[in-house]
Amino acid sequence: MNSIDFELRGDHITLDALLKATGMAGSGGAAKVLIAQGKAQVNGEAETRRGRKLRAGDAVVLGEAQVRLHAPSLPTPDQAEPR
């Protein structure tokens, strides 16, 4: 199984946006169809809500690909904005 680690930019991402952002779906419309057909699983259960909010620790499986979501990393001191 192909495994992808995905770092969130905020506290959540919707299922359809994740499929598009990771390239698991070619477009938002394609993501909508895949989800409606029950082909996406979230944490081991089929999910048909395209707006399902995914958070750090969730795992999404579509076909032979799995995405694990991680919390956003904190900026290092050299990445911090000057005051």
PDB file of N, CA and C in Angstrom:
ATOM      1  N   MET A   1       0.849  -1.183   0.000  1.00  0.00           N
ATOM      2  CA  MET A   1       0.000   0.000   0.000  1.00  0.00           C
ATOM      3  C   MET A   1       0.892   1.242   0.000  1.00  0.00           C
ATOM      4  N   ASN A   2       0.573   2.181  -0.857  1.00  0.00           N
ATOM      5  CA  ASN A   2       1.285   3.456  -0.939  1.00  0.00           C
ATOM      6  C   ASN A   2       0.866   4.337   0.239  1.00  0.00           C
ATOM      7  N   SER A   3       1.816   4.795   1.029  1.00  0.00           N
ATOM      8  CA  SER A   3       1.514   5.594   2.217  1.00  0.00           C
ATOM      9  C   SER A   3       1.995   7.029   2.039  1.00  0.00           C
ATOM     10  N   ILE A   4       1.121   7.970   2.376  1.00  0.00           N
ATOM     11  CA  ILE A   4       1.409   9.396   2.250  1.00  0.00           C
ATOM     12  C   ILE A   4       1.231  10.043   3.618  1.00  0.00           C
ATOM     13  N   ASP A   5       2.217  10.845   4.034  1.00  0.00           N
ATOM     14  CA  ASP A   5       2.081  11.640   5.251  1.00  0.00           C
ATOM     15  C   ASP A   5       1.671  13.043   4.819  1.00  0.00           C
ATOM     16  N   PHE A   6       0.605  13.558   5.421  1.00  0.00           N
ATOM     17  CA  PHE A   6       0.072  14.867   5.047  1.00  0.00           C
ATOM     18  C   PHE A   6       0.056  15.765   6.276  1.00  0.00           C
ATOM     19  N   GLU A   7       0.750  16.887   6.194  1.00  0.00           N
ATOM     20  CA  GLU A   7       0.780  17.835   7.306  1.00  0.00           C
ATOM     21  C   GLU A   7      -0.313  18.879   7.114  1.00  0.00           C
ATOM     22  N   LEU A   8      -1.173  18.987   8.094  1.00  0.00           N
ATOM     23  CA  LEU A   8      -2.252  19.975   8.046  1.00  0.00           C
ATOM     24  C   LEU A   8      -1.690  21.388   8.140  1.00  0.00           C
ATOM     25  N   ARG A   9      -2.372  22.337   7.544  1.00  0.00           N
ATOM     26  CA  ARG A   9      -1.988  23.744   7.672  1.00  0.00           C
ATOM     27  C   ARG A   9      -2.766  24.420   8.795  1.00  0.00           C
ATOM     28  N   GLY A  10      -3.905  23.870   9.114  1.00  0.00           N
ATOM     29  CA  GLY A  10      -4.738  24.378  10.206  1.00  0.00           C
ATOM     30  C   GLY A  10      -5.140  23.212  11.078  1.00  0.00           C
ATOM     31  N   ASP A  11      -6.325  23.304  11.691  1.00  0.00           N
ATOM     32  CA  ASP A  11      -6.744  22.215  12.570  1.00  0.00           C
ATOM     33  C   ASP A  11      -7.492  21.102  11.844  1.00  0.00           C
ATOM     34  N   HIS A  12      -7.954  21.357  10.597  1.00  0.00           N
ATOM     35  CA  HIS A  12      -8.649  20.307   9.850  1.00  0.00           C
ATOM     36  C   HIS A  12      -8.604  20.572   8.344  1.00  0.00           C
ATOM     37  N   ILE A  13      -9.013  19.549   7.574  1.00  0.00           N
ATOM     38  CA  ILE A  13      -9.198  19.645   6.125  1.00  0.00           C
ATOM     39  C   ILE A  13     -10.381  18.747   5.799  1.00  0.00           C
ATOM     40  N   THR A  14     -11.170  19.110   4.798  1.00  0.00           N
ATOM     41  CA  THR A  14     -12.296  18.264   4.426  1.00  0.00           C
ATOM     42  C   THR A  14     -11.805  17.097   3.575  1.00  0.00           C
ATOM     43  N   LEU A  15     -12.571  16.033   3.573  1.00  0.00           N
ATOM     44  CA  LEU A  15     -12.185  14.823   2.851  1.00  0.00           C
ATOM     45  C   LEU A  15     -11.987  15.100   1.363  1.00  0.00           C
ATOM     46  N   ASP A  16     -12.915  15.818   0.743  1.00  0.00           N
ATOM     47  CA  ASP A  16     -12.765  16.078  -0.692  1.00  0.00           C
ATOM     48  C   ASP A  16     -11.525  16.925  -0.983  1.00  0.00           C
ATOM     49  N   ALA A  17     -11.230  17.894  -0.146  1.00  0.00           N
ATOM     50  CA  ALA A  17     -10.041  18.733  -0.337  1.00  0.00           C
ATOM     51  C   ALA A  17      -8.767  17.917  -0.163  1.00  0.00           C
ATOM     52  N   LEU A  18      -8.765  16.969   0.775  1.00  0.00           N
ATOM     53  CA  LEU A  18      -7.593  16.123   0.985  1.00  0.00           C
ATOM     54  C   LEU A  18      -7.328  15.249  -0.235  1.00  0.00           C
ATOM     55  N   LEU A  19      -8.377  14.644  -0.777  1.00  0.00           N
ATOM     56  CA  LEU A  19      -8.190  13.783  -1.945  1.00  0.00           C
ATOM     57  C   LEU A  19      -7.624  14.576  -3.119  1.00  0.00           C
ATOM     58  N   LYS A  20      -8.091  15.795  -3.284  1.00  0.00           N
ATOM     59  CA  LYS A  20      -7.581  16.642  -4.357  1.00  0.00           C
ATOM     60  C   LYS A  20      -6.141  17.084  -4.062  1.00  0.00           C
ATOM     61  N   ALA A  21      -5.859  17.507  -2.842  1.00  0.00           N
ATOM     62  CA  ALA A  21      -4.535  18.013  -2.472  1.00  0.00           C
ATOM     63  C   ALA A  21      -3.449  16.941  -2.575  1.00  0.00           C
ATOM     64  N   THR A  22      -3.798  15.695  -2.335  1.00  0.00           N
ATOM     65  CA  THR A  22      -2.823  14.612  -2.385  1.00  0.00           C
ATOM     66  C   THR A  22      -2.722  13.977  -3.769  1.00  0.00           C
ATOM     67  N   GLY A  23      -3.585  14.394  -4.694  1.00  0.00           N
ATOM     68  CA  GLY A  23      -3.568  13.823  -6.037  1.00  0.00           C
ATOM     69  C   GLY A  23      -4.302  12.502  -6.135  1.00  0.00           C
ATOM     70  N   MET A  24      -4.984  12.107  -5.072  1.00  0.00           N
ATOM     71  CA  MET A  24      -5.761  10.864  -5.105  1.00  0.00           C
ATOM     72  C   MET A  24      -6.986  11.026  -5.992  1.00  0.00           C
ATOM     73  N   ALA A  25      -7.409  12.272  -6.189  1.00  0.00           N
ATOM     74  CA  ALA A  25      -8.497  12.610  -7.108  1.00  0.00           C
ATOM     75  C   ALA A  25      -7.993  13.756  -7.978  1.00  0.00           C
ATOM     76  N   GLY A  26      -8.279  13.690  -9.260  1.00  0.00           N
ATOM     77  CA  GLY A  26      -7.788  14.687 -10.192  1.00  0.00           C
ATOM     78  C   GLY A  26      -8.450  16.040 -10.083  1.00  0.00           C
ATOM     79  N   SER A  27      -9.648  16.068  -9.500  1.00  0.00           N
ATOM     80  CA  SER A  27     -10.387  17.320  -9.363  1.00  0.00           C
ATOM     81  C   SER A  27     -11.367  17.196  -8.205  1.00  0.00           C
ATOM     82  N   GLY A  28     -11.967  18.323  -7.856  1.00  0.00           N
ATOM     83  CA  GLY A  28     -12.978  18.300  -6.801  1.00  0.00           C
ATOM     84  C   GLY A  28     -14.175  17.452  -7.195  1.00  0.00           C
ATOM     85  N   GLY A  29     -14.530  17.513  -8.478  1.00  0.00           N
ATOM     86  CA  GLY A  29     -15.652  16.706  -8.969  1.00  0.00           C
ATOM     87  C   GLY A  29     -15.358  15.219  -8.893  1.00  0.00           C
ATOM     88  N   ALA A  30     -14.132  14.846  -9.240  1.00  0.00           N
ATOM     89  CA  ALA A  30     -13.740  13.438  -9.167  1.00  0.00           C
ATOM     90  C   ALA A  30     -13.744  12.970  -7.713  1.00  0.00           C
ATOM     91  N   ALA A  31     -13.283  13.826  -6.807  1.00  0.00           N
ATOM     92  CA  ALA A  31     -13.295  13.485  -5.377  1.00  0.00           C
ATOM     93  C   ALA A  31     -14.723  13.264  -4.896  1.00  0.00           C
ATOM     94  N   LYS A  32     -15.628  14.134  -5.326  1.00  0.00           N
ATOM     95  CA  LYS A  32     -17.035  14.028  -4.932  1.00  0.00           C
ATOM     96  C   LYS A  32     -17.617  12.677  -5.365  1.00  0.00           C
ATOM     97  N   VAL A  33     -17.314  12.254  -6.590  1.00  0.00           N
ATOM     98  CA  VAL A  33     -17.833  10.983  -7.105  1.00  0.00           C
ATOM     99  C   VAL A  33     -17.251   9.808  -6.326  1.00  0.00           C
ATOM    100  N   LEU A  34     -15.935   9.810  -6.102  1.00  0.00           N
ATOM    101  CA  LEU A  34     -15.297   8.721  -5.353  1.00  0.00           C
ATOM    102  C   LEU A  34     -15.892   8.585  -3.951  1.00  0.00           C
ATOM    103  N   ILE A  35     -16.102   9.719  -3.320  1.00  0.00           N
ATOM    104  CA  ILE A  35     -16.662   9.707  -1.959  1.00  0.00           C
ATOM    105  C   ILE A  35     -18.105   9.217  -1.979  1.00  0.00           C
ATOM    106  N   ALA A  36     -18.900   9.712  -2.927  1.00  0.00           N
ATOM    107  CA  ALA A  36     -20.317   9.305  -3.024  1.00  0.00           C
ATOM    108  C   ALA A  36     -20.441   7.806  -3.276  1.00  0.00           C
ATOM    109  N   GLN A  37     -19.484   7.237  -3.983  1.00  0.00           N
ATOM    110  CA  GLN A  37     -19.497   5.796  -4.266  1.00  0.00           C
ATOM    111  C   GLN A  37     -19.011   4.965  -3.077  1.00  0.00           C
ATOM    112  N   GLY A  38     -18.609   5.619  -2.001  1.00  0.00           N
ATOM    113  CA  GLY A  38     -18.160   4.913  -0.801  1.00  0.00           C
ATOM    114  C   GLY A  38     -16.775   4.307  -0.928  1.00  0.00           C
ATOM    115  N   LYS A  39     -15.961   4.839  -1.848  1.00  0.00           N
ATOM    116  CA  LYS A  39     -14.632   4.266  -2.070  1.00  0.00           C
ATOM    117  C   LYS A  39     -13.576   4.775  -1.087  1.00  0.00           C
ATOM    118  N   ALA A  40     -13.888   5.833  -0.360  1.00  0.00           N
ATOM    119  CA  ALA A  40     -12.938   6.375   0.619  1.00  0.00           C
ATOM    120  C   ALA A  40     -13.279   5.842   2.007  1.00  0.00           C
ATOM    121  N   GLN A  41     -12.246   5.495   2.741  1.00  0.00           N
ATOM    122  CA  GLN A  41     -12.419   5.063   4.124  1.00  0.00           C
ATOM    123  C   GLN A  41     -11.675   6.015   5.040  1.00  0.00           C
ATOM    124  N   VAL A  42     -12.319   6.370   6.145  1.00  0.00           N
ATOM    125  CA  VAL A  42     -11.691   7.207   7.163  1.00  0.00           C
ATOM    126  C   VAL A  42     -11.619   6.382   8.437  1.00  0.00           C
ATOM    127  N   ASN A  43     -10.419   6.180   8.907  1.00  0.00           N
ATOM    128  CA  ASN A  43     -10.202   5.396  10.133  1.00  0.00           C
ATOM    129  C   ASN A  43     -10.870   4.026  10.057  1.00  0.00           C
ATOM    130  N   GLY A  44     -10.791   3.398   8.847  1.00  0.00           N
ATOM    131  CA  GLY A  44     -11.295   2.038   8.675  1.00  0.00           C
ATOM    132  C   GLY A  44     -12.762   1.908   8.342  1.00  0.00           C
ATOM    133  N   GLU A  45     -13.491   3.015   8.228  1.00  0.00           N
ATOM    134  CA  GLU A  45     -14.916   2.957   7.916  1.00  0.00           C
ATOM    135  C   GLU A  45     -15.216   3.764   6.657  1.00  0.00           C
ATOM    136  N   ALA A  46     -16.103   3.222   5.798  1.00  0.00           N
ATOM    137  CA  ALA A  46     -16.487   3.920   4.572  1.00  0.00           C
ATOM    138  C   ALA A  46     -17.094   5.274   4.937  1.00  0.00           C
ATOM    139  N   GLU A  47     -16.731   6.297   4.168  1.00  0.00           N
ATOM    140  CA  GLU A  47     -17.223   7.660   4.424  1.00  0.00           C
ATOM    141  C   GLU A  47     -17.815   8.220   3.142  1.00  0.00           C
ATOM    142  N   THR A  48     -19.054   8.706   3.219  1.00  0.00           N
ATOM    143  CA  THR A  48     -19.728   9.256   2.038  1.00  0.00           C
ATOM    144  C   THR A  48     -19.995  10.752   2.152  1.00  0.00           C
ATOM    145  N   ARG A  49     -19.488  11.372   3.213  1.00  0.00           N
ATOM    146  CA  ARG A  49     -19.666  12.827   3.372  1.00  0.00           C
ATOM    147  C   ARG A  49     -18.406  13.526   2.885  1.00  0.00           C
ATOM    148  N   ARG A  50     -18.538  14.272   1.782  1.00  0.00           N
ATOM    149  CA  ARG A  50     -17.355  14.927   1.223  1.00  0.00           C
ATOM    150  C   ARG A  50     -16.847  16.039   2.124  1.00  0.00           C
ATOM    151  N   GLY A  51     -17.684  16.597   2.963  1.00  0.00           N
ATOM    152  CA  GLY A  51     -17.298  17.663   3.870  1.00  0.00           C
ATOM    153  C   GLY A  51     -16.804  17.170   5.218  1.00  0.00           C
ATOM    154  N   ARG A  52     -16.595  15.872   5.347  1.00  0.00           N
ATOM    155  CA  ARG A  52     -16.109  15.303   6.612  1.00  0.00           C
ATOM    156  C   ARG A  52     -14.817  15.993   7.005  1.00  0.00           C
ATOM    157  N   LYS A  53     -14.769  16.529   8.209  1.00  0.00           N
ATOM    158  CA  LYS A  53     -13.571  17.212   8.686  1.00  0.00           C
ATOM    159  C   LYS A  53     -12.570  16.183   9.203  1.00  0.00           C
ATOM    160  N   LEU A  54     -11.377  16.241   8.657  1.00  0.00           N
ATOM    161  CA  LEU A  54     -10.304  15.345   9.058  1.00  0.00           C
ATOM    162  C   LEU A  54      -9.315  16.112   9.909  1.00  0.00           C
ATOM    163  N   ARG A  55      -8.823  15.469  10.937  1.00  0.00           N
ATOM    164  CA  ARG A  55      -7.904  16.109  11.867  1.00  0.00           C
ATOM    165  C   ARG A  55      -6.655  15.245  12.047  1.00  0.00           C
ATOM    166  N   ALA A  56      -5.670  15.794  12.711  1.00  0.00           N
ATOM    167  CA  ALA A  56      -4.426  15.057  12.978  1.00  0.00           C
ATOM    168  C   ALA A  56      -4.748  13.725  13.632  1.00  0.00           C
ATOM    169  N   GLY A  57      -4.094  12.678  13.166  1.00  0.00           N
ATOM    170  CA  GLY A  57      -4.320  11.332  13.695  1.00  0.00           C
ATOM    171  C   GLY A  57      -5.256  10.506  12.843  1.00  0.00           C
ATOM    172  N   ASP A  58      -6.036  11.147  11.962  1.00  0.00           N
ATOM    173  CA  ASP A  58      -6.940  10.405  11.081  1.00  0.00           C
ATOM    174  C   ASP A  58      -6.146   9.737   9.969  1.00  0.00           C
ATOM    175  N   ALA A  59      -6.697   8.644   9.449  1.00  0.00           N
ATOM    176  CA  ALA A  59      -6.103   7.934   8.320  1.00  0.00           C
ATOM    177  C   ALA A  59      -7.178   7.748   7.253  1.00  0.00           C
ATOM    178  N   VAL A  60      -6.825   8.041   6.013  1.00  0.00           N
ATOM    179  CA  VAL A  60      -7.753   7.916   4.889  1.00  0.00           C
ATOM    180  C   VAL A  60      -7.176   6.903   3.912  1.00  0.00           C
ATOM    181  N   VAL A  61      -8.025   5.960   3.469  1.00  0.00           N
ATOM    182  CA  VAL A  61      -7.610   4.959   2.495  1.00  0.00           C
ATOM    183  C   VAL A  61      -8.512   5.079   1.274  1.00  0.00           C
ATOM    184  N   LEU A  62      -7.876   5.086   0.096  1.00  0.00           N
ATOM    185  CA  LEU A  62      -8.591   5.090  -1.175  1.00  0.00           C
ATOM    186  C   LEU A  62      -7.816   4.168  -2.098  1.00  0.00           C
ATOM    187  N   GLY A  63      -8.398   3.024  -2.438  1.00  0.00           N
ATOM    188  CA  GLY A  63      -7.696   2.047  -3.263  1.00  0.00           C
ATOM    189  C   GLY A  63      -6.469   1.537  -2.543  1.00  0.00           C
ATOM    190  N   GLU A  64      -5.315   1.655  -3.195  1.00  0.00           N
ATOM    191  CA  GLU A  64      -4.056   1.177  -2.619  1.00  0.00           C
ATOM    192  C   GLU A  64      -3.261   2.288  -1.931  1.00  0.00           C
ATOM    193  N   ALA A  65      -3.878   3.441  -1.740  1.00  0.00           N
ATOM    194  CA  ALA A  65      -3.181   4.576  -1.118  1.00  0.00           C
ATOM    195  C   ALA A  65      -3.764   4.874   0.261  1.00  0.00           C
ATOM    196  N   GLN A  66      -2.867   5.189   1.191  1.00  0.00           N
ATOM    197  CA  GLN A  66      -3.280   5.582   2.537  1.00  0.00           C
ATOM    198  C   GLN A  66      -2.625   6.913   2.872  1.00  0.00           C
ATOM    199  N   VAL A  67      -3.431   7.815   3.454  1.00  0.00           N
ATOM    200  CA  VAL A  67      -2.918   9.116   3.884  1.00  0.00           C
ATOM    201  C   VAL A  67      -3.061   9.197   5.389  1.00  0.00           C
ATOM    202  N   ARG A  68      -1.967   9.555   6.055  1.00  0.00           N
ATOM    203  CA  ARG A  68      -1.994   9.789   7.505  1.00  0.00           C
ATOM    204  C   ARG A  68      -1.833  11.279   7.735  1.00  0.00           C
ATOM    205  N   LEU A  69      -2.744  11.852   8.503  1.00  0.00           N
ATOM    206  CA  LEU A  69      -2.721  13.290   8.756  1.00  0.00           C
ATOM    207  C   LEU A  69      -1.947  13.606  10.022  1.00  0.00           C
ATOM    208  N   HIS A  70      -1.154  14.675   9.944  1.00  0.00           N
ATOM    209  CA  HIS A  70      -0.329  15.111  11.064  1.00  0.00           C
ATOM    210  C   HIS A  70      -0.616  16.574  11.381  1.00  0.00           C
ATOM    211  N   ALA A  71      -0.430  16.936  12.636  1.00  0.00           N
ATOM    212  CA  ALA A  71      -0.617  18.329  13.064  1.00  0.00           C
ATOM    213  C   ALA A  71       0.429  19.205  12.387  1.00  0.00           C
ATOM    214  N   PRO A  72       0.106  20.474  12.206  1.00  0.00           N
ATOM    215  CA  PRO A  72       1.095  21.381  11.616  1.00  0.00           C
ATOM    216  C   PRO A  72       2.310  21.488  12.522  1.00  0.00           C
ATOM    217  N   SER A  73       3.477  21.535  11.906  1.00  0.00           N
ATOM    218  CA  SER A  73       4.690  21.678  12.708  1.00  0.00           C
ATOM    219  C   SER A  73       4.862  23.138  13.103  1.00  0.00           C
ATOM    220  N   LEU A  74       5.490  23.338  14.232  1.00  0.00           N
ATOM    221  CA  LEU A  74       5.732  24.695  14.704  1.00  0.00           C
ATOM    222  C   LEU A  74       6.911  25.286  13.940  1.00  0.00           C
ATOM    223  N   PRO A  75       6.864  26.576  13.648  1.00  0.00           N
ATOM    224  CA  PRO A  75       7.996  27.179  12.932  1.00  0.00           C
ATOM    225  C   PRO A  75       9.249  27.165  13.802  1.00  0.00           C
ATOM    226  N   THR A  76      10.364  26.955  13.156  1.00  0.00           N
ATOM    227  CA  THR A  76      11.631  27.014  13.875  1.00  0.00           C
ATOM    228  C   THR A  76      11.985  28.481  14.077  1.00  0.00           C
ATOM    229  N   PRO A  77      12.867  28.787  15.010  1.00  0.00           N
ATOM    230  CA  PRO A  77      13.197  30.198  15.271  1.00  0.00           C
ATOM    231  C   PRO A  77      13.643  30.962  14.008  1.00  0.00           C
ATOM    232  N   ASP A  78      14.334  30.303  13.095  1.00  0.00           N
ATOM    233  CA  ASP A  78      14.777  31.006  11.885  1.00  0.00           C
ATOM    234  C   ASP A  78      13.637  31.242  10.897  1.00  0.00           C
ATOM    235  N   GLN A  79      12.485  30.550  11.083  1.00  0.00           N
ATOM    236  CA  GLN A  79      11.318  30.742  10.224  1.00  0.00           C
ATOM    237  C   GLN A  79      10.337  31.764  10.812  1.00  0.00           C
ATOM    238  N   ALA A  80      10.536  32.137  12.053  1.00  0.00           N
ATOM    239  CA  ALA A  80       9.617  33.059  12.720  1.00  0.00           C
ATOM    240  C   ALA A  80       9.718  34.439  12.069  1.00  0.00           C
ATOM    241  N   GLU A  81       8.593  35.134  12.065  1.00  0.00           N
ATOM    242  CA  GLU A  81       8.572  36.483  11.501  1.00  0.00           C
ATOM    243  C   GLU A  81       9.301  37.451  12.418  1.00  0.00           C
ATOM    244  N   PRO A  82      10.038  38.386  11.839  1.00  0.00           N
ATOM    245  CA  PRO A  82      10.718  39.388  12.679  1.00  0.00           C
ATOM    246  C   PRO A  82       9.711  40.278  13.388  1.00  0.00           C
ATOM    247  N   ARG A  83      10.094  40.758  14.542  1.00  0.00           N
ATOM    248  CA  ARG A  83       9.183  41.607  15.321  1.00  0.00           C
ATOM    249  C   ARG A  83       9.451  43.052  15.077  1.00  0.00           C
TER     250      ARG A  83
END
